[in-house]
Amino acid sequence: MAYYIDPNTQQMYYQAPAQEQPNTTEPAATAETKVYAVPQNAAVQQDPAVPSTFLGLDVSSSTFWTGAALGAGVALLMTSETVQKAVVKTVSKGIAAASAGVEELKEKFEDAKAEVESEAAGKK
């Protein structure tokens, strides 16, 4: 395979390797080389600008750096023992408040049920 450029036209050409012709009648048949013109845009074709990436991530993007900073902050907070204790304390208080709220709702429901039953008994 050979490429060459015509100095007059600046056109790129590809010269295919010579192929022998299966001509059995003429034993001295010569191989013919073929020359093909390569399209001009293929000769000048360049790769588009590739963004700087790290593991397939666009590290020049501001959203990448925002996410990286948030992730680092969360990782730092979650590995801190004082933060873990505070989170567990807050969650346990929230669960206690929710269960107290459920108990309060049960009491209100029982009161409303008793009131309806007393009104129904009083009408009879």
PDB file of N, CA and C in Angstrom:
ATOM      1  N   MET A   1       0.848  -1.171   0.000  1.00  0.00           N
ATOM      2  CA  MET A   1       0.000   0.000   0.000  1.00  0.00           C
ATOM      3  C   MET A   1       0.890   1.229   0.000  1.00  0.00           C
ATOM      4  N   ALA A   2       0.588   2.117  -0.872  1.00  0.00           N
ATOM      5  CA  ALA A   2       1.414   3.312  -0.950  1.00  0.00           C
ATOM      6  C   ALA A   2       0.524   4.523  -1.191  1.00  0.00           C
ATOM      7  N   TYR A   3       0.795   5.568  -0.458  1.00  0.00           N
ATOM      8  CA  TYR A   3       0.111   6.842  -0.657  1.00  0.00           C
ATOM      9  C   TYR A   3       1.136   7.832  -1.187  1.00  0.00           C
ATOM     10  N   TYR A   4       0.719   8.679  -2.066  1.00  0.00           N
ATOM     11  CA  TYR A   4       1.600   9.749  -2.496  1.00  0.00           C
ATOM     12  C   TYR A   4       0.754  10.950  -2.870  1.00  0.00           C
ATOM     13  N   ILE A   5       1.368  12.108  -2.867  1.00  0.00           N
ATOM     14  CA  ILE A   5       0.673  13.357  -3.169  1.00  0.00           C
ATOM     15  C   ILE A   5       1.238  13.912  -4.472  1.00  0.00           C
ATOM     16  N   ASP A   6       0.327  14.255  -5.360  1.00  0.00           N
ATOM     17  CA  ASP A   6       0.730  14.857  -6.629  1.00  0.00           C
ATOM     18  C   ASP A   6       1.202  16.283  -6.334  1.00  0.00           C
ATOM     19  N   PRO A   7       2.439  16.632  -6.654  1.00  0.00           N
ATOM     20  CA  PRO A   7       2.943  17.974  -6.310  1.00  0.00           C
ATOM     21  C   PRO A   7       2.239  19.094  -7.065  1.00  0.00           C
ATOM     22  N   ASN A   8       1.641  18.801  -8.208  1.00  0.00           N
ATOM     23  CA  ASN A   8       0.963  19.851  -8.984  1.00  0.00           C
ATOM     24  C   ASN A   8      -0.420  20.158  -8.419  1.00  0.00           C
ATOM     25  N   THR A   9      -1.167  19.121  -8.082  1.00  0.00           N
ATOM     26  CA  THR A   9      -2.558  19.328  -7.652  1.00  0.00           C
ATOM     27  C   THR A   9      -2.749  19.192  -6.143  1.00  0.00           C
ATOM     28  N   GLN A  10      -1.729  18.722  -5.433  1.00  0.00           N
ATOM     29  CA  GLN A  10      -1.808  18.455  -3.996  1.00  0.00           C
ATOM     30  C   GLN A  10      -2.883  17.414  -3.673  1.00  0.00           C
ATOM     31  N   GLN A  11      -3.225  16.587  -4.650  1.00  0.00           N
ATOM     32  CA  GLN A  11      -4.202  15.524  -4.465  1.00  0.00           C
ATOM     33  C   GLN A  11      -3.490  14.278  -3.956  1.00  0.00           C
ATOM     34  N   MET A  12      -4.097  13.602  -2.945  1.00  0.00           N
ATOM     35  CA  MET A  12      -3.502  12.385  -2.402  1.00  0.00           C
ATOM     36  C   MET A  12      -3.989  11.199  -3.224  1.00  0.00           C
ATOM     37  N   TYR A  13      -3.082  10.290  -3.525  1.00  0.00           N
ATOM     38  CA  TYR A  13      -3.407   9.097  -4.289  1.00  0.00           C
ATOM     39  C   TYR A  13      -2.990   7.853  -3.517  1.00  0.00           C
ATOM     40  N   TYR A  14      -3.722   6.785  -3.738  1.00  0.00           N
ATOM     41  CA  TYR A  14      -3.441   5.485  -3.142  1.00  0.00           C
ATOM     42  C   TYR A  14      -3.117   4.529  -4.265  1.00  0.00           C
ATOM     43  N   GLN A  15      -2.001   3.862  -4.146  1.00  0.00           N
ATOM     44  CA  GLN A  15      -1.620   2.895  -5.175  1.00  0.00           C
ATOM     45  C   GLN A  15      -1.824   1.504  -4.614  1.00  0.00           C
ATOM     46  N   ALA A  16      -2.752   0.768  -5.216  1.00  0.00           N
ATOM     47  CA  ALA A  16      -3.055  -0.594  -4.779  1.00  0.00           C
ATOM     48  C   ALA A  16      -1.904  -1.500  -5.153  1.00  0.00           C
ATOM     49  N   PRO A  17      -1.672  -2.535  -4.350  1.00  0.00           N
ATOM     50  CA  PRO A  17      -0.603  -3.473  -4.706  1.00  0.00           C
ATOM     51  C   PRO A  17      -0.933  -4.202  -5.999  1.00  0.00           C
ATOM     52  N   ALA A  18       0.091  -4.571  -6.696  1.00  0.00           N
ATOM     53  CA  ALA A  18      -0.099  -5.249  -7.985  1.00  0.00           C
ATOM     54  C   ALA A  18      -0.725  -6.618  -7.755  1.00  0.00           C
ATOM     55  N   GLN A  19      -1.680  -6.971  -8.609  1.00  0.00           N
ATOM     56  CA  GLN A  19      -2.334  -8.275  -8.532  1.00  0.00           C
ATOM     57  C   GLN A  19      -2.062  -9.025  -9.827  1.00  0.00           C
ATOM     58  N   GLU A  20      -1.734 -10.259  -9.678  1.00  0.00           N
ATOM     59  CA  GLU A  20      -1.474 -11.057 -10.876  1.00  0.00           C
ATOM     60  C   GLU A  20      -2.793 -11.509 -11.476  1.00  0.00           C
ATOM     61  N   GLN A  21      -2.834 -11.461 -12.802  1.00  0.00           N
ATOM     62  CA  GLN A  21      -4.034 -11.869 -13.516  1.00  0.00           C
ATOM     63  C   GLN A  21      -3.972 -13.376 -13.751  1.00  0.00           C
ATOM     64  N   PRO A  22      -5.039 -14.085 -13.467  1.00  0.00           N
ATOM     65  CA  PRO A  22      -5.043 -15.533 -13.721  1.00  0.00           C
ATOM     66  C   PRO A  22      -5.225 -15.833 -15.206  1.00  0.00           C
ATOM     67  N   ASN A  23      -4.288 -15.394 -16.010  1.00  0.00           N
ATOM     68  CA  ASN A  23      -4.342 -15.594 -17.455  1.00  0.00           C
ATOM     69  C   ASN A  23      -3.405 -16.754 -17.796  1.00  0.00           C
ATOM     70  N   THR A  24      -3.966 -17.889 -18.108  1.00  0.00           N
ATOM     71  CA  THR A  24      -3.163 -19.081 -18.372  1.00  0.00           C
ATOM     72  C   THR A  24      -2.703 -19.162 -19.813  1.00  0.00           C
ATOM     73  N   THR A  25      -3.314 -18.391 -20.727  1.00  0.00           N
ATOM     74  CA  THR A  25      -2.914 -18.450 -22.128  1.00  0.00           C
ATOM     75  C   THR A  25      -1.612 -17.708 -22.361  1.00  0.00           C
ATOM     76  N   GLU A  26      -1.355 -16.652 -21.615  1.00  0.00           N
ATOM     77  CA  GLU A  26      -0.114 -15.901 -21.769  1.00  0.00           C
ATOM     78  C   GLU A  26       0.724 -16.078 -20.512  1.00  0.00           C
ATOM     79  N   PRO A  27       1.770 -16.836 -20.555  1.00  0.00           N
ATOM     80  CA  PRO A  27       2.561 -17.083 -19.358  1.00  0.00           C
ATOM     81  C   PRO A  27       3.300 -15.850 -18.864  1.00  0.00           C
ATOM     82  N   ALA A  28       3.577 -14.886 -19.677  1.00  0.00           N
ATOM     83  CA  ALA A  28       4.326 -13.702 -19.262  1.00  0.00           C
ATOM     84  C   ALA A  28       3.403 -12.519 -18.987  1.00  0.00           C
ATOM     85  N   ALA A  29       2.240 -12.782 -18.456  1.00  0.00           N
ATOM     86  CA  ALA A  29       1.295 -11.693 -18.167  1.00  0.00           C
ATOM     87  C   ALA A  29       1.841 -10.850 -17.019  1.00  0.00           C
ATOM     88  N   THR A  30       1.846  -9.565 -17.198  1.00  0.00           N
ATOM     89  CA  THR A  30       2.387  -8.668 -16.173  1.00  0.00           C
ATOM     90  C   THR A  30       1.274  -8.209 -15.251  1.00  0.00           C
ATOM     91  N   ALA A  31       1.647  -7.951 -14.022  1.00  0.00           N
ATOM     92  CA  ALA A  31       0.673  -7.472 -13.042  1.00  0.00           C
ATOM     93  C   ALA A  31       0.417  -5.990 -13.287  1.00  0.00           C
ATOM     94  N   GLU A  32      -0.835  -5.610 -13.170  1.00  0.00           N
ATOM     95  CA  GLU A  32      -1.220  -4.228 -13.429  1.00  0.00           C
ATOM     96  C   GLU A  32      -1.466  -3.527 -12.097  1.00  0.00           C
ATOM     97  N   THR A  33      -0.869  -2.366 -11.905  1.00  0.00           N
ATOM     98  CA  THR A  33      -1.114  -1.588 -10.673  1.00  0.00           C
ATOM     99  C   THR A  33      -2.203  -0.577 -10.942  1.00  0.00           C
ATOM    100  N   LYS A  34      -3.010  -0.366  -9.939  1.00  0.00           N
ATOM    101  CA  LYS A  34      -4.114   0.567 -10.073  1.00  0.00           C
ATOM    102  C   LYS A  34      -3.879   1.719  -9.115  1.00  0.00           C
ATOM    103  N   VAL A  35      -4.220   2.907  -9.550  1.00  0.00           N
ATOM    104  CA  VAL A  35      -4.051   4.102  -8.740  1.00  0.00           C
ATOM    105  C   VAL A  35      -5.434   4.709  -8.516  1.00  0.00           C
ATOM    106  N   TYR A  36      -5.742   4.979  -7.254  1.00  0.00           N
ATOM    107  CA  TYR A  36      -7.039   5.542  -6.896  1.00  0.00           C
ATOM    108  C   TYR A  36      -6.825   6.897  -6.223  1.00  0.00           C
ATOM    109  N   ALA A  37      -7.646   7.848  -6.550  1.00  0.00           N
ATOM    110  CA  ALA A  37      -7.574   9.158  -5.896  1.00  0.00           C
ATOM    111  C   ALA A  37      -8.309   9.076  -4.570  1.00  0.00           C
ATOM    112  N   VAL A  38      -7.717   9.619  -3.551  1.00  0.00           N
ATOM    113  CA  VAL A  38      -8.332   9.661  -2.233  1.00  0.00           C
ATOM    114  C   VAL A  38      -9.085  10.981  -2.122  1.00  0.00           C
ATOM    115  N   PRO A  39     -10.339  10.968  -1.671  1.00  0.00           N
ATOM    116  CA  PRO A  39     -11.081  12.231  -1.544  1.00  0.00           C
ATOM    117  C   PRO A  39     -10.316  13.228  -0.682  1.00  0.00           C
ATOM    118  N   GLN A  40     -10.366  14.483  -1.080  1.00  0.00           N
ATOM    119  CA  GLN A  40      -9.587  15.522  -0.415  1.00  0.00           C
ATOM    120  C   GLN A  40      -9.956  15.675   1.053  1.00  0.00           C
ATOM    121  N   ASN A  41     -11.251  15.571   1.376  1.00  0.00           N
ATOM    122  CA  ASN A  41     -11.656  15.743   2.776  1.00  0.00           C
ATOM    123  C   ASN A  41     -11.151  14.597   3.644  1.00  0.00           C
ATOM    124  N   ALA A  42     -10.904  13.431   3.071  1.00  0.00           N
ATOM    125  CA  ALA A  42     -10.367  12.314   3.847  1.00  0.00           C
ATOM    126  C   ALA A  42      -8.899  12.548   4.165  1.00  0.00           C
ATOM    127  N   ALA A  43      -8.194  13.242   3.292  1.00  0.00           N
ATOM    128  CA  ALA A  43      -6.779  13.496   3.522  1.00  0.00           C
ATOM    129  C   ALA A  43      -6.565  14.527   4.620  1.00  0.00           C
ATOM    130  N   VAL A  44      -7.503  15.440   4.777  1.00  0.00           N
ATOM    131  CA  VAL A  44      -7.350  16.530   5.735  1.00  0.00           C
ATOM    132  C   VAL A  44      -8.166  16.284   6.997  1.00  0.00           C
ATOM    133  N   GLN A  45      -8.853  15.177   7.055  1.00  0.00           N
ATOM    134  CA  GLN A  45      -9.763  14.910   8.162  1.00  0.00           C
ATOM    135  C   GLN A  45      -8.997  14.855   9.487  1.00  0.00           C
ATOM    136  N   GLN A  46      -9.485  15.601  10.464  1.00  0.00           N
ATOM    137  CA  GLN A  46      -8.845  15.643  11.775  1.00  0.00           C
ATOM    138  C   GLN A  46      -9.863  15.241  12.832  1.00  0.00           C
ATOM    139  N   ASP A  47      -9.352  14.781  13.957  1.00  0.00           N
ATOM    140  CA  ASP A  47     -10.240  14.429  15.062  1.00  0.00           C
ATOM    141  C   ASP A  47     -10.835  15.696  15.656  1.00  0.00           C
ATOM    142  N   PRO A  48     -12.119  15.636  16.061  1.00  0.00           N
ATOM    143  CA  PRO A  48     -12.703  16.812  16.721  1.00  0.00           C
ATOM    144  C   PRO A  48     -12.015  17.034  18.064  1.00  0.00           C
ATOM    145  N   ALA A  49     -12.167  18.229  18.579  1.00  0.00           N
ATOM    146  CA  ALA A  49     -11.543  18.551  19.863  1.00  0.00           C
ATOM    147  C   ALA A  49     -12.111  17.639  20.942  1.00  0.00           C
ATOM    148  N   VAL A  50     -11.247  16.898  21.581  1.00  0.00           N
ATOM    149  CA  VAL A  50     -11.662  15.956  22.608  1.00  0.00           C
ATOM    150  C   VAL A  50     -11.546  16.647  23.958  1.00  0.00           C
ATOM    151  N   PRO A  51     -12.642  16.678  24.736  1.00  0.00           N
ATOM    152  CA  PRO A  51     -12.546  17.312  26.048  1.00  0.00           C
ATOM    153  C   PRO A  51     -11.642  16.498  26.966  1.00  0.00           C
ATOM    154  N   SER A  52     -11.047  17.175  27.908  1.00  0.00           N
ATOM    155  CA  SER A  52     -10.188  16.456  28.846  1.00  0.00           C
ATOM    156  C   SER A  52     -11.066  15.584  29.731  1.00  0.00           C
ATOM    157  N   THR A  53     -10.768  14.302  29.752  1.00  0.00           N
ATOM    158  CA  THR A  53     -11.591  13.371  30.510  1.00  0.00           C
ATOM    159  C   THR A  53     -10.736  12.567  31.466  1.00  0.00           C
ATOM    160  N   PHE A  54     -11.375  12.095  32.508  1.00  0.00           N
ATOM    161  CA  PHE A  54     -10.760  11.194  33.464  1.00  0.00           C
ATOM    162  C   PHE A  54     -11.771  10.106  33.733  1.00  0.00           C
ATOM    163  N   LEU A  55     -11.456   8.890  33.357  1.00  0.00           N
ATOM    164  CA  LEU A  55     -12.364   7.747  33.481  1.00  0.00           C
ATOM    165  C   LEU A  55     -13.695   8.011  32.791  1.00  0.00           C
ATOM    166  N   GLY A  56     -13.651   8.714  31.678  1.00  0.00           N
ATOM    167  CA  GLY A  56     -14.857   8.985  30.909  1.00  0.00           C
ATOM    168  C   GLY A  56     -15.666  10.161  31.422  1.00  0.00           C
ATOM    169  N   LEU A  57     -15.162  10.894  32.402  1.00  0.00           N
ATOM    170  CA  LEU A  57     -15.864  12.048  32.951  1.00  0.00           C
ATOM    171  C   LEU A  57     -15.234  13.321  32.424  1.00  0.00           C
ATOM    172  N   ASP A  58     -16.059  14.316  32.114  1.00  0.00           N
ATOM    173  CA  ASP A  58     -15.569  15.596  31.608  1.00  0.00           C
ATOM    174  C   ASP A  58     -15.100  16.439  32.784  1.00  0.00           C
ATOM    175  N   VAL A  59     -13.788  16.426  33.041  1.00  0.00           N
ATOM    176  CA  VAL A  59     -13.260  17.121  34.219  1.00  0.00           C
ATOM    177  C   VAL A  59     -13.188  18.622  34.026  1.00  0.00           C
ATOM    178  N   SER A  60     -13.468  19.130  32.846  1.00  0.00           N
ATOM    179  CA  SER A  60     -13.473  20.570  32.644  1.00  0.00           C
ATOM    180  C   SER A  60     -14.855  21.164  32.905  1.00  0.00           C
ATOM    181  N   SER A  61     -15.834  20.340  33.203  1.00  0.00           N
ATOM    182  CA  SER A  61     -17.201  20.796  33.433  1.00  0.00           C
ATOM    183  C   SER A  61     -17.368  21.292  34.869  1.00  0.00           C
ATOM    184  N   SER A  62     -18.116  22.374  35.021  1.00  0.00           N
ATOM    185  CA  SER A  62     -18.344  22.911  36.371  1.00  0.00           C
ATOM    186  C   SER A  62     -19.264  21.995  37.177  1.00  0.00           C
ATOM    187  N   THR A  63     -20.166  21.286  36.516  1.00  0.00           N
ATOM    188  CA  THR A  63     -21.039  20.370  37.251  1.00  0.00           C
ATOM    189  C   THR A  63     -20.249  19.189  37.809  1.00  0.00           C
ATOM    190  N   PHE A  64     -19.193  18.776  37.100  1.00  0.00           N
ATOM    191  CA  PHE A  64     -18.339  17.716  37.626  1.00  0.00           C
ATOM    192  C   PHE A  64     -17.709  18.153  38.933  1.00  0.00           C
ATOM    193  N   TRP A  65     -17.166  19.369  38.963  1.00  0.00           N
ATOM    194  CA  TRP A  65     -16.481  19.840  40.166  1.00  0.00           C
ATOM    195  C   TRP A  65     -17.463  20.115  41.293  1.00  0.00           C
ATOM    196  N   THR A  66     -18.675  20.552  40.970  1.00  0.00           N
ATOM    197  CA  THR A  66     -19.695  20.736  42.010  1.00  0.00           C
ATOM    198  C   THR A  66     -20.039  19.388  42.644  1.00  0.00           C
ATOM    199  N   GLY A  67     -20.241  18.380  41.815  1.00  0.00           N
ATOM    200  CA  GLY A  67     -20.544  17.044  42.329  1.00  0.00           C
ATOM    201  C   GLY A  67     -19.398  16.454  43.111  1.00  0.00           C
ATOM    202  N   ALA A  68     -18.170  16.695  42.641  1.00  0.00           N
ATOM    203  CA  ALA A  68     -17.002  16.179  43.356  1.00  0.00           C
ATOM    204  C   ALA A  68     -16.880  16.829  44.729  1.00  0.00           C
ATOM    205  N   ALA A  69     -17.124  18.131  44.805  1.00  0.00           N
ATOM    206  CA  ALA A  69     -17.034  18.834  46.092  1.00  0.00           C
ATOM    207  C   ALA A  69     -18.135  18.369  47.037  1.00  0.00           C
ATOM    208  N   LEU A  70     -19.351  18.214  46.523  1.00  0.00           N
ATOM    209  CA  LEU A  70     -20.448  17.736  47.373  1.00  0.00           C
ATOM    210  C   LEU A  70     -20.180  16.311  47.852  1.00  0.00           C
ATOM    211  N   GLY A  71     -19.709  15.459  46.956  1.00  0.00           N
ATOM    212  CA  GLY A  71     -19.403  14.081  47.333  1.00  0.00           C
ATOM    213  C   GLY A  71     -18.309  14.014  48.383  1.00  0.00           C
ATOM    214  N   ALA A  72     -17.277  14.849  48.235  1.00  0.00           N
ATOM    215  CA  ALA A  72     -16.197  14.868  49.224  1.00  0.00           C
ATOM    216  C   ALA A  72     -16.713  15.352  50.571  1.00  0.00           C
ATOM    217  N   GLY A  73     -17.591  16.363  50.555  1.00  0.00           N
ATOM    218  CA  GLY A  73     -18.163  16.869  51.809  1.00  0.00           C
ATOM    219  C   GLY A  73     -19.014  15.825  52.510  1.00  0.00           C
ATOM    220  N   VAL A  74     -19.842  15.139  51.753  1.00  0.00           N
ATOM    221  CA  VAL A  74     -20.693  14.095  52.337  1.00  0.00           C
ATOM    222  C   VAL A  74     -19.837  12.956  52.881  1.00  0.00           C
ATOM    223  N   ALA A  75     -18.809  12.568  52.124  1.00  0.00           N
ATOM    224  CA  ALA A  75     -17.921  11.496  52.590  1.00  0.00           C
ATOM    225  C   ALA A  75     -17.209  11.903  53.874  1.00  0.00           C
ATOM    226  N   LEU A  76     -16.781  13.156  53.953  1.00  0.00           N
ATOM    227  CA  LEU A  76     -16.106  13.644  55.156  1.00  0.00           C
ATOM    228  C   LEU A  76     -17.054  13.637  56.345  1.00  0.00           C
ATOM    229  N   LEU A  77     -18.276  14.097  56.125  1.00  0.00           N
ATOM    230  CA  LEU A  77     -19.250  14.128  57.221  1.00  0.00           C
ATOM    231  C   LEU A  77     -19.651  12.729  57.665  1.00  0.00           C
ATOM    232  N   MET A  78     -19.819  11.819  56.698  1.00  0.00           N
ATOM    233  CA  MET A  78     -20.277  10.475  57.055  1.00  0.00           C
ATOM    234  C   MET A  78     -19.187   9.653  57.748  1.00  0.00           C
ATOM    235  N   THR A  79     -17.935  10.005  57.574  1.00  0.00           N
ATOM    236  CA  THR A  79     -16.866   9.270  58.244  1.00  0.00           C
ATOM    237  C   THR A  79     -16.501   9.881  59.595  1.00  0.00           C
ATOM    238  N   SER A  80     -17.086  11.029  59.907  1.00  0.00           N
ATOM    239  CA  SER A  80     -16.819  11.675  61.188  1.00  0.00           C
ATOM    240  C   SER A  80     -17.674  11.021  62.270  1.00  0.00           C
ATOM    241  N   GLU A  81     -17.045  10.620  63.365  1.00  0.00           N
ATOM    242  CA  GLU A  81     -17.770   9.934  64.441  1.00  0.00           C
ATOM    243  C   GLU A  81     -18.781  10.861  65.116  1.00  0.00           C
ATOM    244  N   THR A  82     -18.445  12.119  65.302  1.00  0.00           N
ATOM    245  CA  THR A  82     -19.376  13.059  65.941  1.00  0.00           C
ATOM    246  C   THR A  82     -20.608  13.273  65.072  1.00  0.00           C
ATOM    247  N   VAL A  83     -20.405  13.336  63.757  1.00  0.00           N
ATOM    248  CA  VAL A  83     -21.544  13.501  62.843  1.00  0.00           C
ATOM    249  C   VAL A  83     -22.409  12.250  62.868  1.00  0.00           C
ATOM    250  N   GLN A  84     -21.800  11.077  62.901  1.00  0.00           N
ATOM    251  CA  GLN A  84     -22.570   9.833  62.951  1.00  0.00           C
ATOM    252  C   GLN A  84     -23.423   9.785  64.214  1.00  0.00           C
ATOM    253  N   LYS A  85     -22.852  10.182  65.350  1.00  0.00           N
ATOM    254  CA  LYS A  85     -23.614  10.196  66.602  1.00  0.00           C
ATOM    255  C   LYS A  85     -24.776  11.165  66.521  1.00  0.00           C
ATOM    256  N   ALA A  86     -24.533  12.344  65.954  1.00  0.00           N
ATOM    257  CA  ALA A  86     -25.594  13.346  65.834  1.00  0.00           C
ATOM    258  C   ALA A  86     -26.710  12.851  64.918  1.00  0.00           C
ATOM    259  N   VAL A  87     -26.345  12.180  63.824  1.00  0.00           N
ATOM    260  CA  VAL A  87     -27.363  11.662  62.892  1.00  0.00           C
ATOM    261  C   VAL A  87     -28.199  10.590  63.573  1.00  0.00           C
ATOM    262  N   VAL A  88     -27.546   9.677  64.295  1.00  0.00           N
ATOM    263  CA  VAL A  88     -28.277   8.610  64.991  1.00  0.00           C
ATOM    264  C   VAL A  88     -29.198   9.214  66.048  1.00  0.00           C
ATOM    265  N   LYS A  89     -28.717  10.219  66.766  1.00  0.00           N
ATOM    266  CA  LYS A  89     -29.525  10.874  67.800  1.00  0.00           C
ATOM    267  C   LYS A  89     -30.752  11.552  67.183  1.00  0.00           C
ATOM    268  N   THR A  90     -30.539  12.257  66.077  1.00  0.00           N
ATOM    269  CA  THR A  90     -31.648  12.944  65.406  1.00  0.00           C
ATOM    270  C   THR A  90     -32.667  11.948  64.864  1.00  0.00           C
ATOM    271  N   VAL A  91     -32.188  10.867  64.275  1.00  0.00           N
ATOM    272  CA  VAL A  91     -33.104   9.855  63.725  1.00  0.00           C
ATOM    273  C   VAL A  91     -33.899   9.205  64.857  1.00  0.00           C
ATOM    274  N   SER A  92     -33.245   8.907  65.982  1.00  0.00           N
ATOM    275  CA  SER A  92     -33.979   8.278  67.088  1.00  0.00           C
ATOM    276  C   SER A  92     -35.015   9.233  67.665  1.00  0.00           C
ATOM    277  N   LYS A  93     -34.690  10.536  67.723  1.00  0.00           N
ATOM    278  CA  LYS A  93     -35.683  11.516  68.186  1.00  0.00           C
ATOM    279  C   LYS A  93     -36.854  11.588  67.207  1.00  0.00           C
ATOM    280  N   GLY A  94     -36.552  11.535  65.917  1.00  0.00           N
ATOM    281  CA  GLY A  94     -37.617  11.581  64.911  1.00  0.00           C
ATOM    282  C   GLY A  94     -38.514  10.360  64.997  1.00  0.00           C
ATOM    283  N   ILE A  95     -37.925   9.197  65.221  1.00  0.00           N
ATOM    284  CA  ILE A  95     -38.724   7.973  65.342  1.00  0.00           C
ATOM    285  C   ILE A  95     -39.583   8.033  66.598  1.00  0.00           C
ATOM    286  N   ALA A  96     -39.012   8.540  67.700  1.00  0.00           N
ATOM    287  CA  ALA A  96     -39.774   8.659  68.945  1.00  0.00           C
ATOM    288  C   ALA A  96     -40.940   9.627  68.756  1.00  0.00           C
ATOM    289  N   ALA A  97     -40.688  10.752  68.089  1.00  0.00           N
ATOM    290  CA  ALA A  97     -41.764  11.729  67.845  1.00  0.00           C
ATOM    291  C   ALA A  97     -42.838  11.125  66.945  1.00  0.00           C
ATOM    292  N   ALA A  98     -42.428  10.379  65.932  1.00  0.00           N
ATOM    293  CA  ALA A  98     -43.407   9.762  65.034  1.00  0.00           C
ATOM    294  C   ALA A  98     -44.235   8.728  65.779  1.00  0.00           C
ATOM    295  N   SER A  99     -43.594   7.940  66.646  1.00  0.00           N
ATOM    296  CA  SER A  99     -44.361   6.933  67.373  1.00  0.00           C
ATOM    297  C   SER A  99     -45.289   7.597  68.387  1.00  0.00           C
ATOM    298  N   ALA A 100     -44.842   8.716  68.994  1.00  0.00           N
ATOM    299  CA  ALA A 100     -45.728   9.458  69.905  1.00  0.00           C
ATOM    300  C   ALA A 100     -46.913  10.037  69.130  1.00  0.00           C
ATOM    301  N   GLY A 101     -46.650  10.493  67.928  1.00  0.00           N
ATOM    302  CA  GLY A 101     -47.730  11.014  67.095  1.00  0.00           C
ATOM    303  C   GLY A 101     -48.721   9.928  66.730  1.00  0.00           C
ATOM    304  N   VAL A 102     -48.223   8.737  66.455  1.00  0.00           N
ATOM    305  CA  VAL A 102     -49.106   7.612  66.138  1.00  0.00           C
ATOM    306  C   VAL A 102     -49.951   7.257  67.356  1.00  0.00           C
ATOM    307  N   GLU A 103     -49.336   7.254  68.539  1.00  0.00           N
ATOM    308  CA  GLU A 103     -50.091   6.967  69.764  1.00  0.00           C
ATOM    309  C   GLU A 103     -51.162   8.024  69.992  1.00  0.00           C
ATOM    310  N   GLU A 104     -50.823   9.277  69.754  1.00  0.00           N
ATOM    311  CA  GLU A 104     -51.792  10.370  69.919  1.00  0.00           C
ATOM    312  C   GLU A 104     -52.959  10.191  68.952  1.00  0.00           C
ATOM    313  N   LEU A 105     -52.664   9.801  67.702  1.00  0.00           N
ATOM    314  CA  LEU A 105     -53.725   9.564  66.729  1.00  0.00           C
ATOM    315  C   LEU A 105     -54.619   8.402  67.154  1.00  0.00           C
ATOM    316  N   LYS A 106     -54.012   7.355  67.725  1.00  0.00           N
ATOM    317  CA  LYS A 106     -54.811   6.223  68.212  1.00  0.00           C
ATOM    318  C   LYS A 106     -55.751   6.671  69.322  1.00  0.00           C
ATOM    319  N   GLU A 107     -55.230   7.504  70.250  1.00  0.00           N
ATOM    320  CA  GLU A 107     -56.080   8.009  71.339  1.00  0.00           C
ATOM    321  C   GLU A 107     -57.237   8.825  70.798  1.00  0.00           C
ATOM    322  N   LYS A 108     -56.948   9.709  69.842  1.00  0.00           N
ATOM    323  CA  LYS A 108     -58.008  10.535  69.263  1.00  0.00           C
ATOM    324  C   LYS A 108     -59.039   9.659  68.554  1.00  0.00           C
ATOM    325  N   PHE A 109     -58.559   8.644  67.851  1.00  0.00           N
ATOM    326  CA  PHE A 109     -59.481   7.747  67.170  1.00  0.00           C
ATOM    327  C   PHE A 109     -60.366   7.013  68.173  1.00  0.00           C
ATOM    328  N   GLU A 110     -59.789   6.529  69.286  1.00  0.00           N
ATOM    329  CA  GLU A 110     -60.560   5.832  70.322  1.00  0.00           C
ATOM    330  C   GLU A 110     -61.571   6.783  70.970  1.00  0.00           C
ATOM    331  N   ASP A 111     -61.156   8.041  71.219  1.00  0.00           N
ATOM    332  CA  ASP A 111     -62.077   9.032  71.791  1.00  0.00           C
ATOM    333  C   ASP A 111     -63.243   9.300  70.846  1.00  0.00           C
ATOM    334  N   ALA A 112     -62.946   9.460  69.555  1.00  0.00           N
ATOM    335  CA  ALA A 112     -63.999   9.724  68.582  1.00  0.00           C
ATOM    336  C   ALA A 112     -64.933   8.524  68.470  1.00  0.00           C
ATOM    337  N   LYS A 113     -64.377   7.330  68.527  1.00  0.00           N
ATOM    338  CA  LYS A 113     -65.179   6.108  68.445  1.00  0.00           C
ATOM    339  C   LYS A 113     -66.092   5.994  69.668  1.00  0.00           C
ATOM    340  N   ALA A 114     -65.557   6.283  70.861  1.00  0.00           N
ATOM    341  CA  ALA A 114     -66.361   6.223  72.080  1.00  0.00           C
ATOM    342  C   ALA A 114     -67.454   7.277  72.048  1.00  0.00           C
ATOM    343  N   GLU A 115     -67.150   8.432  71.529  1.00  0.00           N
ATOM    344  CA  GLU A 115     -68.144   9.513  71.438  1.00  0.00           C
ATOM    345  C   GLU A 115     -69.280   9.116  70.502  1.00  0.00           C
ATOM    346  N   VAL A 116     -68.938   8.519  69.363  1.00  0.00           N
ATOM    347  CA  VAL A 116     -69.963   8.087  68.408  1.00  0.00           C
ATOM    348  C   VAL A 116     -70.825   6.993  69.029  1.00  0.00           C
ATOM    349  N   GLU A 117     -70.201   6.073  69.756  1.00  0.00           N
ATOM    350  CA  GLU A 117     -70.954   4.992  70.398  1.00  0.00           C
ATOM    351  C   GLU A 117     -71.879   5.530  71.487  1.00  0.00           C
ATOM    352  N   SER A 118     -71.406   6.537  72.247  1.00  0.00           N
ATOM    353  CA  SER A 118     -72.260   7.099  73.318  1.00  0.00           C
ATOM    354  C   SER A 118     -73.431   7.871  72.702  1.00  0.00           C
ATOM    355  N   GLU A 119     -73.195   8.561  71.599  1.00  0.00           N
ATOM    356  CA  GLU A 119     -74.297   9.275  70.943  1.00  0.00           C
ATOM    357  C   GLU A 119     -75.306   8.301  70.368  1.00  0.00           C
ATOM    358  N   ALA A 120     -74.791   7.185  69.809  1.00  0.00           N
ATOM    359  CA  ALA A 120     -75.695   6.186  69.249  1.00  0.00           C
ATOM    360  C   ALA A 120     -76.494   5.518  70.358  1.00  0.00           C
ATOM    361  N   ALA A 121     -75.905   5.292  71.531  1.00  0.00           N
ATOM    362  CA  ALA A 121     -76.601   4.676  72.654  1.00  0.00           C
ATOM    363  C   ALA A 121     -77.612   5.649  73.250  1.00  0.00           C
ATOM    364  N   GLY A 122     -77.305   6.934  73.246  1.00  0.00           N
ATOM    365  CA  GLY A 122     -78.215   7.958  73.799  1.00  0.00           C
ATOM    366  C   GLY A 122     -79.417   8.183  72.915  1.00  0.00           C
ATOM    367  N   LYS A 123     -79.358   7.940  71.632  1.00  0.00           N
ATOM    368  CA  LYS A 123     -80.475   8.146  70.713  1.00  0.00           C
ATOM    369  C   LYS A 123     -81.472   7.006  70.790  1.00  0.00           C
ATOM    370  N   LYS A 124     -81.045   5.875  71.260  1.00  0.00           N
ATOM    371  CA  LYS A 124     -81.936   4.718  71.302  1.00  0.00           C
ATOM    372  C   LYS A 124     -82.912   4.782  72.396  1.00  0.00           C
TER     373      LYS A 124
END
